[in-house]
N, C-alpha and C. Protein backbone atom coordinates (compact mmCIF):
# COMPACT_ATOMS: atom_id res chain seq x y z
N UNK A 1 -35.44 112.99 -158.73
CA UNK A 1 -35.94 114.33 -158.90
C UNK A 1 -35.50 114.82 -160.27
N UNK A 2 -36.40 115.52 -160.95
CA UNK A 2 -36.11 116.13 -162.25
C UNK A 2 -36.53 117.59 -162.16
N UNK A 3 -35.67 118.48 -162.66
CA UNK A 3 -35.98 119.91 -162.67
C UNK A 3 -35.89 120.39 -164.11
N UNK A 4 -37.00 120.91 -164.64
CA UNK A 4 -37.04 121.40 -166.01
C UNK A 4 -36.18 122.64 -166.20
N UNK A 5 -35.74 122.84 -167.44
CA UNK A 5 -34.88 123.97 -167.78
C UNK A 5 -35.55 125.30 -167.49
N UNK A 6 -34.74 126.27 -167.05
CA UNK A 6 -35.23 127.61 -166.79
C UNK A 6 -36.02 127.76 -165.50
N UNK A 7 -36.06 126.70 -164.69
CA UNK A 7 -36.79 126.78 -163.42
C UNK A 7 -36.00 127.59 -162.41
N UNK A 8 -36.71 128.24 -161.52
CA UNK A 8 -36.09 129.00 -160.44
C UNK A 8 -36.51 128.36 -159.13
N UNK A 9 -35.52 127.95 -158.33
CA UNK A 9 -35.77 127.36 -157.02
C UNK A 9 -35.35 128.39 -155.98
N UNK A 10 -36.30 128.90 -155.22
CA UNK A 10 -36.00 129.92 -154.21
C UNK A 10 -35.20 129.33 -153.05
N UNK A 11 -34.40 130.16 -152.38
CA UNK A 11 -33.60 129.68 -151.25
C UNK A 11 -34.48 129.09 -150.15
N UNK A 12 -34.01 127.99 -149.55
CA UNK A 12 -34.69 127.36 -148.44
C UNK A 12 -35.78 126.38 -148.83
N UNK A 13 -36.04 126.23 -150.12
CA UNK A 13 -37.09 125.32 -150.59
C UNK A 13 -36.53 123.91 -150.69
N UNK A 14 -37.31 122.93 -150.29
CA UNK A 14 -36.92 121.52 -150.37
C UNK A 14 -37.78 120.83 -151.42
N UNK A 15 -37.13 120.12 -152.33
CA UNK A 15 -37.83 119.30 -153.32
C UNK A 15 -37.54 117.86 -152.97
N UNK A 16 -38.57 117.12 -152.59
CA UNK A 16 -38.37 115.75 -152.11
C UNK A 16 -38.12 114.77 -153.24
N UNK A 17 -37.71 113.59 -152.85
CA UNK A 17 -37.36 112.49 -153.75
C UNK A 17 -38.50 112.16 -154.72
N UNK A 18 -38.13 111.95 -155.98
CA UNK A 18 -39.08 111.49 -156.98
C UNK A 18 -39.95 112.57 -157.59
N UNK A 19 -39.79 113.82 -157.18
CA UNK A 19 -40.63 114.90 -157.71
C UNK A 19 -40.10 115.41 -159.04
N UNK A 20 -41.00 116.01 -159.83
CA UNK A 20 -40.65 116.60 -161.11
C UNK A 20 -41.13 118.04 -161.13
N UNK A 21 -40.23 118.95 -161.55
CA UNK A 21 -40.56 120.36 -161.65
C UNK A 21 -40.62 120.72 -163.13
N UNK A 22 -41.72 121.30 -163.56
CA UNK A 22 -41.90 121.68 -164.96
C UNK A 22 -40.96 122.81 -165.37
N UNK A 23 -40.62 122.85 -166.65
CA UNK A 23 -39.72 123.88 -167.18
C UNK A 23 -40.30 125.27 -166.95
N UNK A 24 -39.43 126.20 -166.55
CA UNK A 24 -39.82 127.58 -166.35
C UNK A 24 -40.60 127.85 -165.07
N UNK A 25 -40.69 126.88 -164.19
CA UNK A 25 -41.45 127.04 -162.95
C UNK A 25 -40.66 127.86 -161.93
N UNK A 26 -41.39 128.52 -161.05
CA UNK A 26 -40.78 129.24 -159.93
C UNK A 26 -41.25 128.54 -158.66
N UNK A 27 -40.32 127.87 -157.98
CA UNK A 27 -40.67 127.07 -156.79
C UNK A 27 -40.41 127.92 -155.56
N UNK A 28 -41.50 128.26 -154.84
CA UNK A 28 -41.39 129.11 -153.66
C UNK A 28 -41.74 128.37 -152.37
N UNK A 29 -42.34 127.17 -152.49
CA UNK A 29 -42.70 126.36 -151.32
C UNK A 29 -42.13 124.95 -151.49
N UNK A 30 -42.02 124.24 -150.36
CA UNK A 30 -41.53 122.86 -150.40
C UNK A 30 -42.43 122.00 -151.28
N UNK A 31 -41.80 121.07 -152.01
CA UNK A 31 -42.52 120.16 -152.89
C UNK A 31 -42.47 118.76 -152.27
N UNK A 32 -43.64 118.13 -152.04
CA UNK A 32 -43.67 116.80 -151.42
C UNK A 32 -43.11 115.73 -152.36
N UNK A 33 -42.86 114.53 -151.85
CA UNK A 33 -42.29 113.47 -152.68
C UNK A 33 -43.26 112.96 -153.74
N UNK A 34 -42.70 112.59 -154.89
CA UNK A 34 -43.41 111.92 -155.99
C UNK A 34 -44.62 112.69 -156.53
N UNK A 35 -44.43 113.99 -156.76
CA UNK A 35 -45.47 114.79 -157.39
C UNK A 35 -44.88 115.58 -158.56
N UNK A 36 -45.76 116.03 -159.45
CA UNK A 36 -45.37 116.92 -160.54
C UNK A 36 -45.82 118.31 -160.13
N UNK A 37 -44.92 119.29 -160.22
CA UNK A 37 -45.25 120.67 -159.88
C UNK A 37 -44.80 121.57 -161.01
N UNK A 38 -45.64 122.54 -161.36
CA UNK A 38 -45.30 123.48 -162.43
C UNK A 38 -46.05 124.78 -162.22
N UNK A 39 -45.56 125.83 -162.85
CA UNK A 39 -46.23 127.12 -162.82
C UNK A 39 -45.44 128.18 -162.10
N UNK A 40 -46.05 129.39 -162.06
CA UNK A 40 -45.44 130.52 -161.39
C UNK A 40 -46.48 131.12 -160.47
N UNK A 41 -46.47 130.81 -159.20
CA UNK A 41 -45.57 129.90 -158.49
C UNK A 41 -45.94 128.44 -158.77
N UNK A 42 -44.98 127.56 -158.57
CA UNK A 42 -45.18 126.13 -158.84
C UNK A 42 -46.22 125.56 -157.89
N UNK A 43 -47.14 124.78 -158.47
CA UNK A 43 -48.17 124.10 -157.68
C UNK A 43 -48.17 122.64 -158.06
N UNK A 44 -48.46 121.82 -157.08
CA UNK A 44 -48.52 120.38 -157.30
C UNK A 44 -49.78 120.05 -158.08
N UNK A 45 -49.61 119.27 -159.16
CA UNK A 45 -50.78 118.91 -159.96
C UNK A 45 -51.11 117.42 -159.85
N UNK A 46 -50.45 116.73 -158.94
CA UNK A 46 -50.77 115.33 -158.73
C UNK A 46 -49.54 114.45 -158.75
N UNK A 47 -49.74 113.17 -158.48
CA UNK A 47 -48.60 112.25 -158.43
C UNK A 47 -47.99 112.02 -159.80
N UNK A 48 -46.66 111.90 -159.84
CA UNK A 48 -45.98 111.60 -161.10
C UNK A 48 -45.46 110.17 -161.10
N UNK A 49 -45.31 109.57 -159.94
CA UNK A 49 -44.87 108.17 -159.83
C UNK A 49 -45.09 107.71 -158.40
N UNK A 50 -45.25 106.45 -158.25
CA UNK A 50 -45.41 105.86 -156.92
C UNK A 50 -44.10 105.20 -156.54
N UNK A 51 -43.67 105.30 -155.30
CA UNK A 51 -42.41 104.68 -154.89
C UNK A 51 -42.27 103.21 -155.26
N UNK A 52 -43.31 102.36 -155.14
CA UNK A 52 -43.13 100.95 -155.51
C UNK A 52 -42.80 100.76 -156.99
N UNK A 53 -43.28 101.64 -157.86
CA UNK A 53 -42.98 101.51 -159.28
C UNK A 53 -41.51 101.76 -159.57
N UNK A 54 -40.90 102.63 -158.78
CA UNK A 54 -39.51 102.98 -159.01
C UNK A 54 -38.54 102.04 -158.31
N UNK A 55 -38.92 101.52 -157.16
CA UNK A 55 -37.97 100.76 -156.35
C UNK A 55 -37.62 99.40 -156.95
N UNK A 56 -38.47 98.83 -157.78
CA UNK A 56 -38.21 97.50 -158.32
C UNK A 56 -37.28 97.47 -159.51
N UNK A 57 -36.93 98.64 -160.05
CA UNK A 57 -36.08 98.69 -161.24
C UNK A 57 -34.82 99.50 -160.96
N UNK A 58 -33.72 98.81 -160.82
CA UNK A 58 -32.47 99.50 -160.55
C UNK A 58 -32.00 100.27 -161.78
N UNK A 59 -32.27 99.76 -162.97
CA UNK A 59 -31.84 100.41 -164.20
C UNK A 59 -33.06 100.70 -165.07
N UNK A 60 -33.50 101.97 -165.14
CA UNK A 60 -34.70 102.28 -165.91
C UNK A 60 -34.56 102.03 -167.40
N UNK A 61 -33.33 101.89 -167.91
CA UNK A 61 -33.10 101.64 -169.33
C UNK A 61 -33.05 100.15 -169.65
N UNK A 62 -33.12 99.30 -168.65
CA UNK A 62 -32.89 97.88 -168.83
C UNK A 62 -33.84 97.23 -169.84
N UNK A 63 -35.11 97.62 -169.86
CA UNK A 63 -36.08 96.96 -170.72
C UNK A 63 -36.58 97.84 -171.86
N UNK A 64 -35.99 99.02 -172.02
CA UNK A 64 -36.49 99.95 -173.03
C UNK A 64 -35.88 99.71 -174.40
N UNK A 65 -34.75 98.99 -174.47
CA UNK A 65 -34.07 98.79 -175.75
C UNK A 65 -33.20 99.98 -176.12
N UNK A 66 -33.14 100.99 -175.27
CA UNK A 66 -32.34 102.18 -175.55
C UNK A 66 -31.05 102.14 -174.73
N UNK A 67 -30.03 102.78 -175.25
CA UNK A 67 -28.77 102.89 -174.53
C UNK A 67 -28.76 104.17 -173.72
N UNK A 68 -27.93 104.22 -172.73
CA UNK A 68 -27.85 105.40 -171.89
C UNK A 68 -27.20 106.57 -172.60
N UNK A 69 -26.25 106.32 -173.45
CA UNK A 69 -25.54 107.42 -174.09
C UNK A 69 -25.00 107.01 -175.45
N UNK A 70 -24.58 108.00 -176.19
CA UNK A 70 -23.97 107.72 -177.48
C UNK A 70 -22.66 106.96 -177.30
N UNK A 71 -21.96 107.23 -176.21
CA UNK A 71 -20.69 106.54 -175.93
C UNK A 71 -20.93 105.05 -175.77
N UNK A 72 -22.06 104.67 -175.21
CA UNK A 72 -22.37 103.26 -175.04
C UNK A 72 -22.60 102.57 -176.38
N UNK A 73 -22.94 103.35 -177.39
CA UNK A 73 -23.15 102.80 -178.74
C UNK A 73 -21.90 102.88 -179.60
N UNK A 74 -20.80 103.38 -179.03
CA UNK A 74 -19.56 103.50 -179.77
C UNK A 74 -19.48 104.75 -180.62
N UNK A 75 -20.22 105.78 -180.25
CA UNK A 75 -20.22 107.05 -180.99
C UNK A 75 -19.33 108.03 -180.27
N UNK A 76 -18.53 108.82 -180.86
CA UNK A 76 -18.29 108.90 -182.29
C UNK A 76 -17.46 107.71 -182.78
N UNK A 77 -17.58 107.43 -184.09
CA UNK A 77 -16.87 106.26 -184.65
C UNK A 77 -15.37 106.42 -184.61
């Protein structure tokens, strides 16, 4: 699950696994799994990922050539 900055999640709302909430959204209803939702009020605009795409990769950074953090690169020197 990813929640964009400045989003407001109302009490009692459930955001399911794999969902993404756009920045500045106001979530007033439950969000189903693996969808992108944004707006005021937040509405689902479609799937953002399928569970099979995510389940096969334990480390999403493994094949990107990028490190997880600056500390992993030995920063600061």
